[in-house]
Amino acid sequence: MNEMEPRERILRAIRRQITDRVPREAVFTIPVEEEFRLRTYASDYETYFGMDRRTVVFRRPQPPTDFSPYLEGVSIPEGAFQDEWGNLTVKGFKYRTTDYVFPIRNLHTVAELNEYPFPDFRQDLCHAHLDAEVKSLHDRGLAVTGDLWGTFFERSWHIRGMDRLFFDFTDNPDFANALLDKMLDLRIFMATRFAEAGVDILHTGDDLGMQHSLLMSVPMWRKWFKPRLAQVWAAARRVKPDILISYHSDGFIEPFIPELIEIGLDVLNPIQPECMDPSDIKRKFGDRLAFFGTIGNQTTLPFGSPEDVRREVRQRIETVGKGGGLILAPSHMIEPDVPWANILAFFEAAEEYGYYK
């Protein structure tokens, strides 16, 4: 098979078609990116390692909103960063972990919630750049993803508190519905705008799983999140019917997979091998779903040898990649505890074993 352009390779893989080779990706944390620059004298690891896709995002509204009335009496830790949602994040016990200060934790009524200054992503400065960025990336032959990380559950609990949000579902359902509907309104606008800009893939997601169990029951997810997620995906497809839908959730989430497929999912990320068997997931759902990830970020990459990494890459390509439908990647960002030799082994093995005959 002749060599494909990156964009065609990614889109065919998500559509479960045979490509020239399995697409491969990784996201480096800042220390790993710094090590990459020192070792290679290059500046762009995505280009250096031949990645086929880039991501575009909304910019922060301006000017910054004053959330101080919602943080009265709160001891704000030194070095805290406040985002456009009013959420305060603080570097935690290890690099890239965070602790949170929840700005709407102490609200009780829908009237109070209606006064809260949710971010206004409709400002032109938040999204006017998307059209030109998408075109520029397409002109380079790259696939483009529009990122809606933390679509509902994560963004909601980041400002409310996870425990308080779960209590809302039973004890304050009017508040929970109002909060999620505000999220829905924003997400529909953002998904629609991504589709108008011409992105190939809409990436959504919320972490719904723990290591070996669900973070919430399927009936709870079905009541509070499934219909809203379906509306967001449908809004994007009304504008761009061929847009591909990606969904991220760490952990064990197998019971959710059939219903995600039902509402229109195309590719699932990251299939943590420590939580779900990638070969088994491929066997059960590979006729309806593509997979993005599958390489162990808790086990093989940080603690295995380069040969262990090569062996796992080859196994994933031969099983999950059989017949198409795989974007090979670590199951999360590459952390500083991953040896450089293992990073090289990942990309070298993907190149060696990744070509379809």
Protein backbone atom coordinates (compact mmCIF):
# COMPACT_ATOMS: atom_id res chain seq x y z
CA MET A 1 0.00 0.00 0.00
CA ASN A 2 1.30 3.47 -0.88
CA GLU A 3 2.13 5.83 1.98
CA MET A 4 -0.89 7.81 3.09
CA GLU A 5 -1.16 11.41 4.18
CA PRO A 6 -1.47 11.66 7.97
CA ARG A 7 -5.05 12.90 7.84
CA GLU A 8 -6.22 10.04 5.65
CA ARG A 9 -4.39 7.55 7.88
CA ILE A 10 -6.12 8.74 11.05
CA LEU A 11 -9.58 8.98 9.53
CA ARG A 12 -9.38 5.55 7.94
CA ALA A 13 -8.16 4.05 11.20
CA ILE A 14 -11.10 5.52 13.13
CA ARG A 15 -13.45 4.20 10.43
CA ARG A 16 -11.96 0.73 11.03
CA GLN A 17 -10.38 0.53 7.60
CA ILE A 18 -6.93 -0.76 6.69
CA THR A 19 -4.25 1.92 6.48
CA ASP A 20 -0.63 1.81 5.34
CA ARG A 21 0.45 1.63 8.98
CA VAL A 22 -1.01 1.97 12.45
CA PRO A 23 -1.09 5.65 13.52
CA ARG A 24 0.97 6.31 16.66
CA GLU A 25 0.73 9.14 19.16
CA ALA A 26 1.90 10.27 22.58
CA VAL A 27 1.55 13.35 24.75
CA PHE A 28 4.64 14.42 26.67
CA THR A 29 4.51 16.11 30.07
CA ILE A 30 6.67 19.21 30.38
CA PRO A 31 9.72 17.44 31.90
CA VAL A 32 9.61 14.76 29.18
CA GLU A 33 9.35 17.43 26.50
CA GLU A 34 12.39 19.16 28.01
CA GLU A 35 14.32 15.87 27.94
CA PHE A 36 13.28 15.37 24.31
CA ARG A 37 14.75 18.75 23.37
CA LEU A 38 18.01 18.05 25.20
CA ARG A 39 18.43 14.64 23.56
CA THR A 40 17.32 15.43 20.01
CA TYR A 41 18.02 19.17 19.59
CA ALA A 42 14.54 19.33 18.02
CA SER A 43 11.66 21.48 19.24
CA ASP A 44 8.50 19.69 18.03
CA TYR A 45 8.12 16.11 19.24
CA GLU A 46 4.85 15.58 17.35
CA THR A 47 6.59 16.20 14.02
CA TYR A 48 9.80 14.44 15.07
CA PHE A 49 7.98 11.19 15.87
CA GLY A 50 5.58 11.36 12.92
CA MET A 51 2.26 11.96 14.63
CA ASP A 52 -0.72 12.38 12.33
CA ARG A 53 -3.08 14.60 14.31
CA ARG A 54 -3.16 17.96 16.07
CA THR A 55 -5.65 19.48 18.52
CA VAL A 56 -7.33 22.90 18.52
CA VAL A 57 -9.00 24.46 21.55
CA PHE A 58 -11.12 27.42 22.60
CA ARG A 59 -9.23 30.31 24.18
CA ARG A 60 -10.07 31.78 27.57
CA PRO A 61 -12.66 34.56 27.74
CA GLN A 62 -11.37 38.05 28.54
CA PRO A 63 -11.17 39.94 30.76
CA PRO A 64 -10.83 37.45 33.63
CA THR A 65 -13.92 37.18 35.81
CA ASP A 66 -13.76 38.17 39.47
CA PHE A 67 -14.81 35.06 41.41
CA SER A 68 -13.79 36.44 44.82
CA PRO A 69 -17.40 36.72 46.15
CA TYR A 70 -17.65 32.92 45.84
CA LEU A 71 -14.41 32.31 47.74
CA GLU A 72 -15.08 34.41 50.84
CA GLY A 73 -13.62 32.72 53.88
CA VAL A 74 -11.66 30.27 51.73
CA SER A 75 -7.95 29.98 52.42
CA ILE A 76 -6.41 30.18 48.96
CA PRO A 77 -3.14 28.25 48.79
CA GLU A 78 -0.03 29.97 47.52
CA GLY A 79 0.55 29.45 43.82
CA ALA A 80 -3.08 28.58 43.08
CA PHE A 81 -4.25 29.06 39.49
CA GLN A 82 -7.81 30.14 38.75
CA ASP A 83 -9.28 29.16 35.41
CA GLU A 84 -12.17 30.69 33.47
CA TRP A 85 -14.69 28.54 35.38
CA GLY A 86 -13.57 29.94 38.73
CA ASN A 87 -11.95 26.65 39.69
CA LEU A 88 -8.74 26.97 41.69
CA THR A 89 -6.11 24.32 41.08
CA VAL A 90 -3.02 23.76 43.17
CA LYS A 91 -0.04 21.60 42.33
CA GLY A 92 -0.38 18.45 44.39
CA PHE A 93 2.03 15.94 45.90
CA LYS A 94 3.56 14.91 42.57
CA TYR A 95 4.15 16.59 39.24
CA ARG A 96 0.93 17.22 37.27
CA THR A 97 -1.37 16.19 40.10
CA THR A 98 -3.70 18.88 41.39
CA ASP A 99 -5.77 19.74 44.40
CA TYR A 100 -8.97 21.73 43.86
CA VAL A 101 -10.83 24.58 45.50
CA PHE A 102 -14.50 24.41 44.45
CA PRO A 103 -16.12 27.83 43.88
CA ILE A 104 -19.78 26.74 43.89
CA ARG A 105 -19.50 24.19 46.67
CA ASN A 106 -21.59 26.24 49.08
CA LEU A 107 -24.41 27.20 46.71
CA HIS A 108 -27.76 25.58 47.43
CA THR A 109 -30.44 26.92 45.10
CA VAL A 110 -30.97 27.29 41.38
CA ALA A 111 -31.38 31.04 41.91
CA GLU A 112 -27.89 31.19 43.42
CA LEU A 113 -26.50 29.12 40.57
CA ASN A 114 -28.09 31.44 38.00
CA GLU A 115 -26.05 34.31 39.45
CA TYR A 116 -22.76 32.47 39.01
CA PRO A 117 -20.59 33.86 36.15
CA PHE A 118 -20.14 30.88 33.85
CA PRO A 119 -17.52 31.49 31.11
CA ASP A 120 -18.74 33.15 27.91
CA PHE A 121 -17.14 31.10 25.15
CA ARG A 122 -19.30 32.87 22.59
CA GLN A 123 -16.88 35.80 22.60
CA ASP A 124 -15.19 35.99 19.20
CA LEU A 125 -11.75 35.97 20.80
CA CYS A 126 -12.49 32.49 22.17
CA HIS A 127 -13.13 30.85 18.81
CA ALA A 128 -12.42 33.18 15.86
CA HIS A 129 -8.96 31.60 15.46
CA LEU A 130 -10.35 28.09 14.90
CA ASP A 131 -11.12 28.39 11.18
CA ALA A 132 -7.60 29.51 10.25
CA GLU A 133 -5.92 27.00 12.57
CA VAL A 134 -7.91 24.08 11.16
CA LYS A 135 -7.20 25.15 7.57
CA SER A 136 -3.49 25.53 8.28
CA LEU A 137 -3.28 22.05 9.77
CA HIS A 138 -5.31 20.54 6.93
CA ASP A 139 -2.97 22.23 4.45
CA ARG A 140 -0.12 20.33 6.14
CA GLY A 141 -2.01 17.08 5.58
CA LEU A 142 -2.81 16.61 9.28
CA ALA A 143 -6.03 15.49 10.93
CA VAL A 144 -7.56 17.94 13.40
CA THR A 145 -9.34 17.31 16.70
CA GLY A 146 -11.50 19.82 18.55
CA ASP A 147 -11.10 19.21 22.27
CA LEU A 148 -14.04 19.28 24.72
CA TRP A 149 -12.24 17.64 27.64
CA GLY A 150 -14.29 17.27 30.82
CA THR A 151 -17.50 17.55 28.86
CA PHE A 152 -19.97 17.24 31.74
CA PHE A 153 -19.09 15.23 34.84
CA GLU A 154 -15.49 16.33 35.35
CA ARG A 155 -16.00 20.02 34.73
CA SER A 156 -19.09 19.99 36.98
CA TRP A 157 -17.39 18.33 39.92
CA HIS A 158 -14.30 20.50 39.48
CA ILE A 159 -16.37 23.53 40.40
CA ARG A 160 -18.92 21.83 42.67
CA GLY A 161 -16.93 19.09 44.41
CA MET A 162 -17.45 15.43 43.55
CA ASP A 163 -19.11 14.53 46.82
CA ARG A 164 -21.47 17.49 46.62
CA LEU A 165 -22.41 16.71 43.01
CA PHE A 166 -23.30 13.13 43.90
CA PHE A 167 -25.42 14.38 46.81
CA ASP A 168 -27.16 16.77 44.38
CA PHE A 169 -28.27 13.83 42.23
CA THR A 170 -30.39 12.51 45.10
CA ASP A 171 -30.97 15.42 47.50
CA ASN A 172 -30.97 18.48 45.22
CA PRO A 173 -31.92 17.28 41.73
CA ASP A 174 -33.18 20.69 40.58
CA PHE A 175 -29.73 22.12 41.24
CA ALA A 176 -28.02 19.21 39.47
CA ASN A 177 -30.25 19.58 36.42
CA ALA A 178 -29.67 23.33 36.28
CA LEU A 179 -25.90 22.91 36.53
CA LEU A 180 -25.71 20.22 33.86
CA ASP A 181 -28.05 22.16 31.56
CA LYS A 182 -25.74 25.18 31.78
CA MET A 183 -22.90 22.88 30.79
CA LEU A 184 -25.04 21.48 27.98
CA ASP A 185 -25.73 24.93 26.53
CA LEU A 186 -22.00 25.76 26.47
CA ARG A 187 -20.97 22.38 25.08
CA ILE A 188 -23.52 22.49 22.27
CA PHE A 189 -22.20 25.89 21.21
CA MET A 190 -18.58 24.72 21.36
CA ALA A 191 -19.22 21.45 19.52
CA THR A 192 -21.15 23.31 16.83
CA ARG A 193 -18.37 25.85 16.45
CA PHE A 194 -15.72 23.14 16.14
CA ALA A 195 -17.81 21.50 13.41
CA GLU A 196 -18.22 24.82 11.58
CA ALA A 197 -14.44 25.27 11.67
CA GLY A 198 -14.05 21.89 9.97
CA VAL A 199 -12.40 19.71 12.60
CA ASP A 200 -12.28 16.03 11.66
CA ILE A 201 -12.77 14.69 15.19
CA LEU A 202 -14.71 15.97 18.18
CA HIS A 203 -13.00 14.76 21.35
CA THR A 204 -15.21 14.55 24.43
CA GLY A 205 -14.94 12.69 27.68
CA ASP A 206 -15.25 12.37 31.43
CA ASP A 207 -13.45 9.92 33.68
CA LEU A 208 -16.15 7.44 34.67
CA GLY A 209 -14.07 4.50 35.86
CA MET A 210 -11.81 3.49 38.70
CA GLN A 211 -9.15 0.80 38.47
CA HIS A 212 -11.53 -2.16 38.44
CA SER A 213 -15.01 -0.69 38.92
CA LEU A 214 -17.28 2.16 37.86
CA LEU A 215 -17.27 5.59 39.47
CA MET A 216 -21.05 5.71 39.12
CA SER A 217 -23.74 3.21 38.19
CA VAL A 218 -24.93 2.80 34.62
CA PRO A 219 -28.48 3.96 35.56
CA MET A 220 -27.06 7.11 37.14
CA TRP A 221 -24.96 7.86 34.06
CA ARG A 222 -27.90 7.04 31.81
CA LYS A 223 -30.13 9.51 33.65
CA TRP A 224 -27.78 12.45 34.09
CA PHE A 225 -25.17 12.31 31.35
CA LYS A 226 -26.07 10.06 28.42
CA PRO A 227 -28.90 12.23 26.97
CA ARG A 228 -26.83 15.40 27.26
CA LEU A 229 -23.80 13.80 25.65
CA ALA A 230 -26.00 12.56 22.80
CA GLN A 231 -27.27 16.11 22.24
CA VAL A 232 -23.73 17.48 21.99
CA TRP A 233 -22.68 14.85 19.47
CA ALA A 234 -25.86 15.35 17.45
CA ALA A 235 -25.33 19.13 17.38
CA ALA A 236 -21.87 18.68 15.84
CA ARG A 237 -23.20 16.22 13.28
CA ARG A 238 -26.00 18.54 12.21
CA VAL A 239 -23.29 20.90 10.99
CA LYS A 240 -20.76 18.31 9.79
CA PRO A 241 -22.39 14.90 9.30
CA ASP A 242 -19.07 13.10 8.78
CA ILE A 243 -17.41 14.41 11.94
CA LEU A 244 -15.94 11.57 13.99
CA ILE A 245 -16.68 11.34 17.71
CA SER A 246 -14.02 10.43 20.26
CA TYR A 247 -14.61 9.76 23.96
CA HIS A 248 -12.08 9.54 26.78
CA SER A 249 -12.44 7.85 30.12
CA ASP A 250 -9.72 6.37 32.25
CA GLY A 251 -10.29 3.20 34.22
CA PHE A 252 -12.74 0.33 33.88
CA ILE A 253 -15.77 1.45 31.86
CA GLU A 254 -16.83 -1.62 29.87
CA PRO A 255 -20.52 -1.47 30.98
CA PHE A 256 -20.80 2.00 29.43
CA ILE A 257 -19.36 1.04 26.03
CA PRO A 258 -22.52 -0.39 24.36
CA GLU A 259 -24.50 2.75 25.23
CA LEU A 260 -21.74 5.06 24.03
CA ILE A 261 -21.83 3.19 20.72
CA GLU A 262 -25.63 3.48 20.69
CA ILE A 263 -25.50 7.30 20.77
CA GLY A 264 -22.85 7.54 18.07
CA LEU A 265 -19.33 6.93 19.37
CA ASP A 266 -16.57 6.20 16.81
CA VAL A 267 -13.35 5.88 18.83
CA LEU A 268 -12.73 5.16 22.53
CA ASN A 269 -9.69 6.30 24.48
CA PRO A 270 -7.51 5.14 26.25
CA ILE A 271 -8.32 1.43 26.98
CA GLN A 272 -6.04 1.15 30.02
CA PRO A 273 -4.66 -2.41 29.89
CA GLU A 274 -4.38 -2.47 33.68
CA CYS A 275 -8.17 -1.95 33.86
CA MET A 276 -9.57 -3.64 30.74
CA ASP A 277 -8.08 -6.26 28.43
CA PRO A 278 -7.60 -4.49 25.06
CA SER A 279 -7.84 -7.74 23.09
CA ASP A 280 -11.11 -8.63 24.81
CA ILE A 281 -12.53 -5.14 24.20
CA LYS A 282 -11.53 -5.41 20.53
CA ARG A 283 -13.23 -8.82 20.27
CA LYS A 284 -16.46 -7.54 21.83
CA PHE A 285 -16.74 -4.11 20.20
CA GLY A 286 -14.24 -3.92 17.34
CA ASP A 287 -16.92 -4.30 14.66
CA ARG A 288 -18.48 -1.02 15.83
CA LEU A 289 -15.67 0.93 17.45
CA ALA A 290 -12.06 2.01 16.96
CA PHE A 291 -9.57 2.30 19.82
CA PHE A 292 -7.00 4.93 20.74
CA GLY A 293 -4.35 4.08 23.33
CA THR A 294 -3.83 0.57 24.83
CA ILE A 295 -0.17 0.83 25.98
CA GLY A 296 0.28 0.54 29.74
CA ASN A 297 1.16 3.83 31.36
CA GLN A 298 0.96 2.42 34.88
CA THR A 299 3.06 -0.66 34.23
CA THR A 300 4.99 -1.28 31.02
CA LEU A 301 6.17 2.20 30.11
CA PRO A 302 7.51 3.31 33.52
CA PHE A 303 8.55 -0.07 34.94
CA GLY A 304 9.20 -2.40 32.00
CA SER A 305 12.33 -2.79 29.92
CA PRO A 306 12.59 -1.52 26.33
CA GLU A 307 12.00 -5.11 25.23
CA ASP A 308 8.81 -5.24 27.34
CA VAL A 309 7.61 -2.08 25.59
CA ARG A 310 8.41 -3.53 22.17
CA ARG A 311 6.59 -6.75 23.04
CA GLU A 312 3.45 -4.90 24.19
CA VAL A 313 3.42 -2.66 21.12
CA ARG A 314 3.69 -5.67 18.82
CA GLN A 315 0.93 -7.50 20.69
CA ARG A 316 -1.45 -4.53 20.48
CA ILE A 317 -0.84 -4.11 16.75
CA GLU A 318 -1.40 -7.81 16.09
CA THR A 319 -4.59 -7.98 18.18
CA VAL A 320 -6.32 -4.61 18.59
CA GLY A 321 -4.90 -3.39 15.28
CA LYS A 322 -5.98 -6.45 13.33
CA GLY A 323 -8.18 -5.37 10.44
CA GLY A 324 -7.74 -1.66 11.29
CA GLY A 325 -9.30 0.42 14.01
CA LEU A 326 -6.29 1.27 16.21
CA ILE A 327 -4.47 4.50 17.01
CA LEU A 328 -1.54 3.28 19.09
CA ALA A 329 -0.67 5.43 22.12
CA PRO A 330 0.19 5.31 25.81
CA SER A 331 -2.93 5.21 27.94
CA HIS A 332 -2.13 8.67 29.34
CA MET A 333 0.49 11.40 29.14
CA ILE A 334 4.08 10.18 29.37
CA GLU A 335 5.24 11.04 32.86
CA PRO A 336 8.79 11.90 33.99
CA ASP A 337 9.31 8.42 35.49
CA VAL A 338 9.25 6.78 32.02
CA PRO A 339 12.83 6.03 30.90
CA TRP A 340 13.88 7.67 27.65
CA ALA A 341 14.86 4.25 26.29
CA ASN A 342 11.26 3.10 26.73
CA ILE A 343 9.91 6.12 24.87
CA LEU A 344 12.23 5.36 21.96
CA ALA A 345 11.25 1.68 22.11
CA PHE A 346 7.57 2.63 21.79
CA PHE A 347 8.09 4.64 18.61
CA GLU A 348 10.66 2.27 17.11
CA ALA A 349 8.40 -0.75 17.65
CA ALA A 350 5.41 1.11 16.21
CA GLU A 351 7.51 1.77 13.10
CA GLU A 352 8.88 -1.78 12.90
CA TYR A 353 5.65 -3.72 13.47
CA GLY A 354 3.02 -1.18 12.45
CA TYR A 355 2.86 -1.62 8.68
CA TYR A 356 -0.02 -3.60 7.20
CA LYS A 357 0.98 -6.14 4.59
